[in-house]
Amino acid sequence: MKEMKGMFRRKVGTVSFLLFIAFIAFISYIYFFKPQPTGIPDKVLIRTTILPTIDSISVKAQLNELDYYLRSHRVTDEGYNQVAHYNTQLQAMRRLARLKRRPVSTVRHIKANERLLPVVKTAGGYWKAGRFHLSNAHFQVLKASGPGLMRDALGRLLVAEFLADTIVKATRTDTAGIYHGQTDQYGLPCGQGTYDATDGTHYEGLWQNDQRHGFGFESSANHPVRIGEWKNDRFLGEKLKYTSDRIYGIDISRHQHEKGRRRYAINWRQVRITSLGHRHPAGGQTFPVSFAYIKSTESTSIRNRYFLQDYRQAKRQGIHVGAYHFFSLKTTALAQATYFVNHTLIHADDLPPVLDVEPTDAQINAIGGDDELMRRIRIFMDYVERRTHKRPILYVNQMFINKHMSHADDIKQRHNVWIARYSQYKPDVRLAFWQLSADGRVSGITGDVDINVFNGYQGQYQDFLRTGFHQ
């Protein structure tokens, strides 16, 4: 009886083994030996090239911003080559759009055995040439390779290139624009990629989890070129490389001379920037002071008693000098402009005069709001320009220009802007100077000093000195 049971078990085991071998042979035939379906015909590929239709006004504005970036930067700045390449592309697109040629079509015959069969990725595997291929963590006979289609984690359709079941690159077109580049395993933009929005905005750089994240640049008709660090789809700003090629300067007032009851002179023969501030490490480099702005007046009754001596001594050392007025909302703009011009030494070779505007929101509301403040600024700037024949510069901070100057495009276009932003990132606006810190150090001056950098290099700086306006 026991022998019969043993024989039965051996027969069952043999049958199971044979069935397993048959299954493996069947699967191998399907995946490796079965011939391609014979129903795939030759293909006729008709490709039509249509010249782009572009918004000429938008492209002109975008090219203008790109030109401004390229003039104020050089090839050693991070991302410069990317911006220059896109600028060339955009100019070529505009030239093609102006040609107004008819669409051009080409016809190509592709034989059946030469056709690329696309992959269609689905849950649990993929389809190719009419066959479904299993794909999971435990069992996979063939991995998807070649061109194909899939949907990302949000259900959007992608045209992708696969290699060993990995997405090499993909293109996604939706109502907002077109993404092309690397993705993660779920089809979401991750790594290097570009996005061209329907409004003409172009982004090129790094992505993470379907958001701009890392280094990249964005070109748009609606704002200056945004190049630098991005985080979770938000632009943080551009980080400058602090080298001896840049133009550095300072701005001072009586506070550099008076510390409590003590009084200090400035040794203008020794002035040299030894620190740009704690947010801007320069690797131990020191920099010459190329320009100095000195406070002259405030409101209609306050004068800087040290202005004249600092002005003369700085000029003796070959430093370009300018004067600034601290604006008050308690007296009229015309009275302040008159007071500034009448009590300030301004020579033909001096830097343009500056209006320093730093009111609180409460002070702005008390005089009637942004429009009234802009009206007063215009009065001051116009009067000073008529009297000095120099176009004044407006000094404000980044938050002020974003919050209060949305309806003052005429001021931003007519006058250069000097932005105070105590951050590791450069201000995201067109500007002549950036005040990057209030805690810099300068040999020859006691205590902290405001440090500034010109927005450009030596060529642009010489043009600014000659014309009094930073293009």
Protein backbone atom coordinates (compact mmCIF):
# COMPACT_ATOMS: atom_id res chain seq x y z
CA MET A 1 0.00 0.00 0.00
CA LYS A 2 2.81 2.40 0.91
CA GLU A 3 4.62 1.55 -2.34
CA MET A 4 1.53 2.41 -4.40
CA LYS A 5 1.23 5.77 -2.66
CA GLY A 6 4.88 6.51 -3.35
CA MET A 7 4.51 5.62 -7.03
CA PHE A 8 1.42 7.84 -7.24
CA ARG A 9 3.28 10.75 -5.73
CA ARG A 10 6.17 10.30 -8.15
CA LYS A 11 3.76 10.26 -11.10
CA VAL A 12 2.01 13.40 -9.87
CA GLY A 13 5.38 15.09 -9.40
CA THR A 14 6.46 14.09 -12.89
CA VAL A 15 3.23 15.38 -14.42
CA SER A 16 3.58 18.69 -12.51
CA PHE A 17 7.14 19.05 -13.73
CA LEU A 18 6.12 18.34 -17.32
CA LEU A 19 3.30 20.89 -17.09
CA PHE A 20 5.75 23.47 -15.74
CA ILE A 21 8.17 22.80 -18.61
CA ALA A 22 5.31 23.13 -21.10
CA PHE A 23 4.27 26.44 -19.56
CA ILE A 24 7.81 27.81 -19.80
CA ALA A 25 8.05 26.66 -23.42
CA PHE A 26 4.73 28.33 -24.21
CA ILE A 27 5.78 31.63 -22.61
CA SER A 28 9.15 31.52 -24.38
CA TYR A 29 7.41 30.95 -27.71
CA ILE A 30 5.10 33.90 -27.15
CA TYR A 31 7.82 36.31 -26.11
CA PHE A 32 10.80 35.15 -28.10
CA PHE A 33 9.88 32.99 -31.07
CA LYS A 34 6.43 34.03 -32.19
CA PRO A 35 6.76 35.96 -35.48
CA GLN A 36 5.65 39.55 -35.80
CA PRO A 37 2.01 39.99 -36.82
CA THR A 38 1.72 39.97 -40.56
CA GLY A 39 -1.06 42.58 -40.60
CA ILE A 40 1.29 45.57 -40.12
CA PRO A 41 1.39 47.43 -43.44
CA ASP A 42 3.94 49.78 -44.91
CA LYS A 43 3.67 53.32 -43.62
CA VAL A 44 3.45 56.60 -45.48
CA LEU A 45 4.74 59.43 -43.30
CA ILE A 46 3.65 62.92 -44.34
CA ARG A 47 5.38 65.66 -42.41
CA THR A 48 4.22 69.27 -42.79
CA THR A 49 6.37 72.15 -41.62
CA ILE A 50 4.35 75.21 -40.69
CA LEU A 51 6.18 78.40 -39.84
CA PRO A 52 5.43 79.52 -36.28
CA THR A 53 2.81 82.13 -35.57
CA ILE A 54 4.04 84.25 -32.72
CA ASP A 55 2.88 87.29 -30.82
CA SER A 56 5.28 89.90 -32.22
CA ILE A 57 4.69 92.30 -29.33
CA SER A 58 5.35 89.60 -26.74
CA VAL A 59 8.48 88.36 -28.54
CA LYS A 60 9.82 91.89 -28.89
CA ALA A 61 9.38 92.48 -25.15
CA GLN A 62 11.03 89.16 -24.36
CA LEU A 63 13.98 89.86 -26.66
CA ASN A 64 14.35 93.25 -25.00
CA GLU A 65 14.65 91.58 -21.58
CA LEU A 66 17.09 89.00 -22.93
CA ASP A 67 19.21 91.75 -24.46
CA TYR A 68 19.28 93.59 -21.12
CA TYR A 69 20.45 90.43 -19.36
CA LEU A 70 23.18 89.74 -21.92
CA ARG A 71 24.46 93.31 -21.71
CA SER A 72 24.72 93.25 -17.91
CA HIS A 73 26.30 89.79 -17.69
CA ARG A 74 29.19 87.95 -19.22
CA VAL A 75 29.98 84.39 -20.25
CA THR A 76 31.54 83.57 -16.87
CA ASP A 77 28.17 84.06 -15.13
CA GLU A 78 26.28 80.82 -14.46
CA GLY A 79 23.62 80.16 -17.09
CA TYR A 80 24.84 82.84 -19.51
CA ASN A 81 25.29 80.36 -22.38
CA GLN A 82 21.78 78.96 -21.89
CA VAL A 83 20.26 82.44 -22.08
CA ALA A 84 22.37 83.34 -25.12
CA HIS A 85 21.31 80.13 -26.90
CA TYR A 86 17.62 80.78 -26.24
CA ASN A 87 18.01 84.38 -27.40
CA THR A 88 19.41 83.09 -30.70
CA GLN A 89 16.51 80.63 -31.03
CA LEU A 90 13.90 83.30 -30.37
CA GLN A 91 15.42 85.67 -32.90
CA ALA A 92 15.43 82.88 -35.49
CA MET A 93 11.76 82.16 -34.77
CA ARG A 94 10.89 85.81 -35.29
CA ARG A 95 12.76 85.90 -38.62
CA LEU A 96 10.97 82.74 -39.81
CA ALA A 97 7.59 84.11 -38.78
CA ARG A 98 8.21 87.20 -40.90
CA LEU A 99 8.85 85.13 -44.05
CA LYS A 100 5.15 84.15 -44.40
CA ARG A 101 5.94 81.11 -46.51
CA ARG A 102 3.45 78.38 -47.33
CA PRO A 103 3.58 75.15 -45.32
CA VAL A 104 6.13 72.66 -46.69
CA SER A 105 5.26 68.93 -46.78
CA THR A 106 7.54 65.94 -47.21
CA VAL A 107 6.46 62.35 -47.93
CA ARG A 108 8.41 59.31 -46.76
CA HIS A 109 7.58 55.62 -47.35
CA ILE A 110 8.52 53.30 -44.50
CA LYS A 111 8.48 49.52 -45.06
CA ALA A 112 6.67 47.32 -42.55
CA ASN A 113 9.85 45.67 -41.28
CA GLU A 114 11.43 49.11 -40.71
CA ARG A 115 8.56 50.62 -38.74
CA LEU A 116 9.12 51.55 -35.12
CA LEU A 117 6.42 49.93 -33.01
CA PRO A 118 5.50 52.16 -30.09
CA VAL A 119 5.23 50.99 -26.51
CA VAL A 120 2.03 51.69 -24.60
CA LYS A 121 2.69 51.54 -20.86
CA THR A 122 -0.19 50.42 -18.64
CA ALA A 123 -0.60 49.13 -15.12
CA GLY A 124 1.23 45.81 -14.74
CA GLY A 125 3.09 45.92 -18.05
CA TYR A 126 3.01 47.32 -21.55
CA TRP A 127 1.61 46.66 -25.02
CA LYS A 128 3.76 46.42 -28.13
CA ALA A 129 2.88 45.06 -31.58
CA GLY A 130 -0.42 43.69 -30.33
CA ARG A 131 1.07 41.73 -27.42
CA PHE A 132 0.91 42.44 -23.71
CA HIS A 133 4.14 42.09 -21.73
CA LEU A 134 4.01 41.53 -18.01
CA SER A 135 6.01 43.92 -15.88
CA ASN A 136 6.07 43.86 -12.11
CA ALA A 137 8.49 43.61 -9.25
CA HIS A 138 8.61 39.80 -9.32
CA PHE A 139 8.25 38.76 -12.94
CA GLN A 140 9.26 40.46 -16.16
CA VAL A 141 10.23 38.77 -19.39
CA LEU A 142 10.96 41.82 -21.57
CA LYS A 143 11.58 45.42 -20.55
CA ALA A 144 10.05 48.27 -22.52
CA SER A 145 12.43 50.06 -24.90
CA GLY A 146 11.90 52.52 -27.72
CA PRO A 147 9.26 55.21 -28.31
CA GLY A 148 5.96 54.89 -26.54
CA LEU A 149 3.00 56.38 -24.73
CA MET A 150 1.99 56.46 -21.08
CA ARG A 151 0.05 58.51 -18.59
CA ASP A 152 1.78 60.21 -15.69
CA ALA A 153 0.71 60.07 -12.04
CA LEU A 154 -1.82 62.85 -12.72
CA GLY A 155 -3.34 61.13 -15.76
CA ARG A 156 -1.68 63.34 -18.39
CA LEU A 157 -0.55 61.73 -21.64
CA LEU A 158 3.19 61.52 -22.33
CA VAL A 159 5.10 60.69 -25.49
CA ALA A 160 8.20 59.03 -24.10
CA GLU A 161 11.42 57.28 -25.03
CA PHE A 162 11.99 54.11 -22.97
CA LEU A 163 15.16 52.16 -22.30
CA ALA A 164 14.96 48.97 -20.23
CA ASP A 165 11.60 50.09 -18.82
CA THR A 166 13.05 53.47 -17.75
CA ILE A 167 11.87 56.79 -19.17
CA VAL A 168 14.84 58.46 -20.88
CA LYS A 169 12.93 61.59 -21.88
CA ALA A 170 9.33 62.56 -22.43
CA THR A 171 7.12 65.23 -23.94
CA ARG A 172 3.84 66.34 -22.38
CA THR A 173 1.44 68.71 -24.10
CA ASP A 174 -1.45 70.24 -22.17
CA THR A 175 -3.58 73.37 -22.27
CA ALA A 176 -0.91 75.42 -20.48
CA GLY A 177 2.08 74.48 -22.62
CA ILE A 178 4.63 71.82 -23.58
CA TYR A 179 7.15 70.09 -21.30
CA HIS A 180 10.12 68.21 -22.75
CA GLY A 181 12.83 66.52 -20.74
CA GLN A 182 13.53 64.04 -17.99
CA THR A 183 10.90 62.60 -15.67
CA ASP A 184 10.69 60.32 -12.67
CA GLN A 185 9.23 56.79 -12.79
CA TYR A 186 5.73 58.25 -12.52
CA GLY A 187 6.16 60.50 -15.54
CA LEU A 188 6.42 63.74 -13.54
CA PRO A 189 9.11 66.25 -14.59
CA CYS A 190 12.30 65.53 -12.66
CA GLY A 191 15.84 66.44 -13.71
CA GLN A 192 16.66 68.62 -16.71
CA GLY A 193 13.76 69.88 -18.81
CA THR A 194 12.18 72.78 -20.70
CA TYR A 195 8.67 74.18 -20.58
CA ASP A 196 7.16 76.49 -23.19
CA ALA A 197 3.91 78.03 -22.00
CA THR A 198 1.15 79.13 -24.33
CA ASP A 199 1.78 82.78 -23.35
CA GLY A 200 5.35 82.56 -24.69
CA THR A 201 7.10 82.09 -21.34
CA HIS A 202 10.09 79.75 -21.58
CA TYR A 203 11.73 77.89 -18.69
CA GLU A 204 14.84 75.76 -18.97
CA GLY A 205 16.50 74.07 -16.02
CA LEU A 206 16.02 71.57 -13.23
CA TRP A 207 12.75 70.06 -12.03
CA GLN A 208 11.59 68.01 -9.09
CA ASN A 209 8.14 66.49 -8.56
CA ASP A 210 6.61 68.46 -11.46
CA GLN A 211 7.96 71.79 -10.11
CA ARG A 212 10.88 74.01 -11.04
CA HIS A 213 13.49 73.21 -8.44
CA GLY A 214 17.22 73.92 -8.60
CA PHE A 215 19.08 76.07 -11.10
CA GLY A 216 17.21 77.35 -14.14
CA PHE A 217 16.14 80.40 -16.10
CA GLU A 218 12.80 81.76 -17.22
CA SER A 219 12.27 84.22 -20.05
CA SER A 220 9.00 86.11 -20.29
CA ALA A 221 7.59 89.28 -21.79
CA ASN A 222 6.15 90.16 -18.38
CA HIS A 223 9.29 90.43 -16.25
CA PRO A 224 13.11 90.47 -16.44
CA VAL A 225 14.99 87.25 -17.11
CA ARG A 226 14.81 85.11 -13.98
CA ILE A 227 17.98 83.11 -13.73
CA GLY A 228 19.24 81.41 -10.62
CA GLU A 229 17.83 79.22 -7.88
CA TRP A 230 14.25 77.93 -7.84
CA LYS A 231 12.53 76.08 -5.01
CA ASN A 232 9.14 74.37 -5.24
CA ASP A 233 8.22 76.39 -8.34
CA ARG A 234 9.20 79.72 -6.72
CA PHE A 235 12.05 81.87 -7.99
CA LEU A 236 14.51 82.73 -5.21
CA GLY A 237 17.00 84.79 -7.19
CA GLU A 238 20.37 84.97 -8.86
CA LYS A 239 23.54 84.41 -6.86
CA LEU A 240 26.42 86.57 -8.00
CA LYS A 241 30.00 85.43 -8.27
CA TYR A 242 32.02 88.01 -6.39
CA THR A 243 35.17 88.60 -8.39
CA SER A 244 37.52 91.50 -8.97
CA ASP A 245 35.81 92.09 -12.34
CA ARG A 246 32.72 93.52 -10.65
CA ILE A 247 32.25 97.17 -9.64
CA TYR A 248 31.78 97.70 -5.90
CA GLY A 249 30.90 100.80 -3.94
CA ILE A 250 29.63 102.15 -0.62
CA ASP A 251 27.08 104.63 0.67
CA ILE A 252 27.68 106.60 3.86
CA SER A 253 26.17 109.25 6.11
CA ARG A 254 27.04 110.85 9.45
CA HIS A 255 26.60 107.41 11.07
CA GLN A 256 30.04 106.40 9.78
CA HIS A 257 31.46 109.36 11.73
CA GLU A 258 29.39 109.28 14.91
CA LYS A 259 29.11 106.32 17.29
CA GLY A 260 27.38 107.53 20.42
CA ARG A 261 29.45 110.40 21.77
CA ARG A 262 32.55 109.41 19.85
CA ARG A 263 33.55 110.92 16.53
CA TYR A 264 35.52 109.17 13.80
CA ALA A 265 37.16 110.39 10.62
CA ILE A 266 37.28 108.38 7.42
CA ASN A 267 40.73 107.65 6.04
CA TRP A 268 39.91 107.79 2.35
CA ARG A 269 43.45 106.76 1.40
CA GLN A 270 42.90 103.38 3.05
CA VAL A 271 39.33 102.59 1.99
CA ARG A 272 39.00 99.08 0.60
CA ILE A 273 36.18 96.59 1.06
CA THR A 274 37.33 93.75 3.32
CA SER A 275 33.91 92.12 3.79
CA LEU A 276 30.73 92.17 1.68
CA GLY A 277 28.63 91.18 4.70
CA HIS A 278 27.88 87.88 6.39
CA ARG A 279 25.51 86.69 3.62
CA HIS A 280 28.10 87.18 0.89
CA PRO A 281 31.32 85.26 1.51
CA ALA A 282 34.03 86.23 -0.96
CA GLY A 283 36.70 83.72 -0.04
CA GLY A 284 38.94 86.25 1.66
CA GLN A 285 39.03 88.59 -1.33
CA THR A 286 39.14 92.36 -0.87
CA PHE A 287 37.80 94.87 -3.37
CA PRO A 288 38.50 98.50 -4.26
CA VAL A 289 35.80 101.11 -3.68
CA SER A 290 34.90 102.34 -7.17
CA PHE A 291 32.06 104.66 -6.16
CA ALA A 292 30.66 106.28 -3.03
CA TYR A 293 27.26 107.85 -2.42
CA ILE A 294 27.14 110.34 0.45
CA LYS A 295 24.02 111.55 2.19
CA SER A 296 23.58 115.27 1.74
CA THR A 297 20.12 116.29 2.99
CA GLU A 298 16.88 115.07 4.56
CA SER A 299 13.46 116.70 4.39
CA THR A 300 13.87 120.50 4.29
CA SER A 301 16.00 121.16 7.37
CA ILE A 302 18.58 118.40 7.89
CA ARG A 303 22.05 118.48 6.37
CA ASN A 304 24.95 116.05 6.72
CA ARG A 305 27.76 118.07 8.32
CA TYR A 306 30.35 115.62 6.96
CA PHE A 307 29.17 115.71 3.35
CA LEU A 308 31.60 118.28 1.97
CA GLN A 309 34.77 116.81 3.51
CA ASP A 310 33.87 113.24 2.49
CA TYR A 311 32.94 114.42 -0.99
CA ARG A 312 36.26 116.19 -1.57
CA GLN A 313 38.50 113.56 0.00
CA ALA A 314 36.85 110.69 -1.88
CA LYS A 315 37.28 112.50 -5.19
CA ARG A 316 40.94 113.11 -4.43
CA GLN A 317 41.39 109.32 -4.26
CA GLY A 318 39.82 108.85 -7.70
CA ILE A 319 36.52 107.51 -6.34
CA HIS A 320 33.39 108.47 -8.28
CA VAL A 321 31.05 110.32 -5.94
CA GLY A 322 27.33 111.01 -5.82
CA ALA A 323 24.88 112.60 -3.37
CA TYR A 324 21.54 111.41 -2.03
CA HIS A 325 18.52 112.95 -0.32
CA PHE A 326 16.41 111.13 2.28
CA PHE A 327 12.75 111.70 1.39
CA SER A 328 10.16 112.80 3.95
CA LEU A 329 6.37 112.68 3.62
CA LYS A 330 5.90 115.58 6.05
CA THR A 331 6.97 118.32 3.64
CA THR A 332 6.27 118.91 -0.05
CA ALA A 333 8.33 117.22 -2.74
CA LEU A 334 9.13 120.51 -4.45
CA ALA A 335 10.42 122.08 -1.23
CA GLN A 336 12.64 119.07 -0.58
CA ALA A 337 13.99 119.02 -4.14
CA THR A 338 14.83 122.73 -3.87
CA TYR A 339 16.52 122.22 -0.51
CA PHE A 340 18.58 119.29 -1.83
CA VAL A 341 19.83 121.12 -4.92
CA ASN A 342 20.59 124.34 -3.05
CA HIS A 343 22.66 122.62 -0.36
CA THR A 344 24.46 119.92 -2.35
CA LEU A 345 27.65 120.08 -4.38
CA ILE A 346 26.97 118.39 -7.73
CA HIS A 347 29.59 118.61 -10.48
CA ALA A 348 29.31 117.54 -14.09
CA ASP A 349 31.51 114.47 -13.55
CA ASP A 350 29.60 113.30 -10.46
CA LEU A 351 27.30 110.31 -10.33
CA PRO A 352 23.56 111.00 -10.80
CA PRO A 353 21.82 112.26 -7.63
CA VAL A 354 19.67 109.78 -5.71
CA LEU A 355 16.30 110.02 -3.98
CA ASP A 356 16.16 107.66 -0.98
CA VAL A 357 12.53 106.61 -0.34
CA GLU A 358 11.86 104.45 2.72
CA PRO A 359 8.35 105.17 4.11
CA THR A 360 6.29 102.65 6.07
CA ASP A 361 2.94 101.40 4.79
CA ALA A 362 1.20 103.45 7.47
CA GLN A 363 2.93 106.62 6.31
CA ILE A 364 1.97 105.92 2.69
CA ASN A 365 -1.66 105.34 3.65
CA ALA A 366 -1.68 108.55 5.69
CA ILE A 367 -0.91 110.70 2.61
CA GLY A 368 -3.48 108.95 0.41
CA GLY A 369 -1.77 105.83 -0.90
CA ASP A 370 0.62 104.77 -3.65
CA ASP A 371 -0.59 107.14 -6.37
CA GLU A 372 0.01 110.19 -4.19
CA LEU A 373 3.48 108.95 -3.23
CA MET A 374 4.39 108.37 -6.89
CA ARG A 375 3.13 111.85 -7.74
CA ARG A 376 5.47 113.34 -5.15
CA ILE A 377 8.40 111.26 -6.39
CA ARG A 378 7.82 112.50 -9.94
CA ILE A 379 7.82 116.12 -8.76
CA PHE A 380 11.13 115.67 -6.93
CA MET A 381 12.82 113.81 -9.80
CA ASP A 382 11.68 116.24 -12.48
CA TYR A 383 12.82 119.30 -10.55
CA VAL A 384 16.24 117.85 -9.68
CA GLU A 385 16.79 116.78 -13.29
CA ARG A 386 15.95 120.27 -14.58
CA ARG A 387 18.33 121.90 -12.10
CA THR A 388 21.27 119.50 -12.35
CA HIS A 389 20.87 118.16 -15.91
CA LYS A 390 21.29 114.68 -14.44
CA ARG A 391 18.56 112.07 -14.35
CA PRO A 392 18.10 111.07 -10.67
CA ILE A 393 18.16 107.48 -9.45
CA LEU A 394 15.42 106.10 -7.18
CA TYR A 395 16.56 104.15 -4.11
CA VAL A 396 13.98 101.72 -2.67
CA ASN A 397 13.90 98.16 -1.39
CA GLN A 398 12.71 95.05 -3.24
CA MET A 399 9.43 94.84 -1.29
CA PHE A 400 8.61 98.49 -1.98
CA ILE A 401 8.98 98.23 -5.73
CA ASN A 402 6.87 95.06 -5.82
CA LYS A 403 4.15 96.38 -3.53
CA HIS A 404 3.84 100.08 -4.30
CA MET A 405 5.10 100.67 -7.84
CA SER A 406 2.80 98.44 -9.91
CA HIS A 407 1.25 101.56 -11.50
CA ALA A 408 4.48 103.53 -11.87
CA ASP A 409 6.01 102.04 -15.02
CA ASP A 410 6.90 105.52 -16.22
CA ILE A 411 9.18 106.05 -13.23
CA LYS A 412 10.86 102.65 -13.63
CA GLN A 413 11.42 103.28 -17.34
CA ARG A 414 12.53 106.89 -17.01
CA HIS A 415 14.81 106.47 -13.99
CA ASN A 416 17.39 103.93 -12.92
CA VAL A 417 16.57 102.06 -9.74
CA TRP A 418 18.87 101.26 -6.83
CA ILE A 419 17.51 98.33 -4.83
CA ALA A 420 18.25 97.43 -1.22
CA ARG A 421 17.90 93.69 -0.67
CA TYR A 422 19.86 92.12 2.16
CA SER A 423 19.79 88.61 0.81
CA GLN A 424 22.13 86.20 -0.89
CA TYR A 425 20.02 86.68 -4.03
CA LYS A 426 20.14 89.61 -6.42
CA PRO A 427 16.88 91.65 -6.77
CA ASP A 428 14.47 90.45 -9.44
CA VAL A 429 14.09 93.82 -11.22
CA ARG A 430 16.01 96.01 -13.62
CA LEU A 431 18.45 98.06 -11.61
CA ALA A 432 21.64 100.09 -11.69
CA PHE A 433 22.90 99.27 -8.19
CA TRP A 434 22.19 96.56 -5.66
CA GLN A 435 22.72 97.34 -1.99
CA LEU A 436 23.47 93.82 -0.88
CA SER A 437 24.32 94.35 2.79
CA ALA A 438 24.36 96.82 5.66
CA ASP A 439 27.05 95.00 7.59
CA GLY A 440 30.02 95.24 5.27
CA ARG A 441 33.47 96.21 6.39
CA VAL A 442 35.79 98.77 4.81
CA SER A 443 39.32 99.53 5.90
CA GLY A 444 39.61 103.21 6.82
CA ILE A 445 35.99 103.38 8.07
CA THR A 446 34.85 102.53 11.59
CA GLY A 447 31.95 100.12 12.00
CA ASP A 448 29.50 98.61 9.53
CA VAL A 449 29.15 100.05 6.03
CA ASP A 450 26.48 99.60 3.33
CA ILE A 451 27.98 97.65 0.42
CA ASN A 452 26.74 98.00 -3.15
CA VAL A 453 27.52 96.40 -6.48
CA PHE A 454 26.91 97.83 -9.95
CA ASN A 455 24.68 95.76 -12.21
CA GLY A 456 27.18 95.04 -14.94
CA TYR A 457 30.86 95.00 -15.68
CA GLN A 458 33.50 97.55 -16.64
CA GLY A 459 32.13 98.25 -20.13
CA GLN A 460 28.61 98.97 -18.87
CA TYR A 461 30.00 100.98 -15.95
CA GLN A 462 32.00 103.26 -18.26
CA ASP A 463 28.88 103.83 -20.35
CA PHE A 464 26.98 104.68 -17.16
CA LEU A 465 29.66 107.19 -16.11
CA ARG A 466 29.58 108.78 -19.54
CA THR A 467 25.79 108.99 -19.99
CA GLY A 468 24.49 109.01 -16.42
CA PHE A 469 21.99 106.29 -17.26
CA HIS A 470 22.32 102.50 -17.14
CA GLN A 471 20.73 101.02 -20.24
